[in-house]
Amino acid sequence: MSSIIQEVKRLAISSRRENPIPSDFESMLKYHNIPLSSLKPHVKSKIFNQNATDRGLAVVTADDTFTSLPLLGVELSGQPDKASKPYIPASFPGFPSTHTYRFTPQEDKRTKDSKQIREDAAKSAQLGEDALRRLVRASKMRKQKEVKSLVERDSQGKERFRLWESTMKRFMGGDRFREHADKVDIADHSMLVNADVKFSRREVSRLGKKSNAL
């Protein structure tokens, strides 16, 4: 008997198990040439126990005292996905949200019409050009304000600025300028004048160059 127990223990340890399983007992019987039919006379008859039967049939109710409420709704919960797979044991924890392991299909809302794409590109280019013009106009006005602040510090410069302003108003229509002052772009009129423009180099026409060469 001890040799049989040792053989069963050896088979379990060789399979890296702490406790033997039915296949270990079957291998042990084959090792000692003991057929299974020889064990039937030694099987004890079952004794009917009413109390044991009643305890086995007793309904065990699950204690949901420490059961937490679901955090996700039906749309995101992975519980229906787990319930649809009967081969997953019920003791396993529930599935996480479906978006953690399943791809969510998204509709491509980008237009594929070439005409619409060209119109959108032209509109974007126009908006960029307008923004650049406003930026240049703002920089010009800033420079004019800086020049004006420098001139106003000097009494002579202040007088020159007053004369220049009155001259510009006279050239631009006097009282009419005041009526339409909000429609006139001040950045296009500056008191900074290039006096050397008449001495600048002028472009010679191509026709004149050919005649001189001949």
Foldseek 3Di string as FASTA:
>chain_A
DVVLVVQLCVVQVVVVHRDGDVVSNVVSCVVVVHDPVVCVVVDDDDDDDPVVVVVVPDDDDDDCPPPDDDPDDPQFFQQVVVVVDVVDDPPDDGDGTPVVPDDDDDDDPDDPDPVVVVVVVVVVVVVVVVVVVVVVLVVLVVVQVVVVVVQVVDPVSVVVVVVVVVVVCVVVPPVVCVVCVVVDRCSVDHPDDDPCPVVDDDDDDPVVVVVVVD
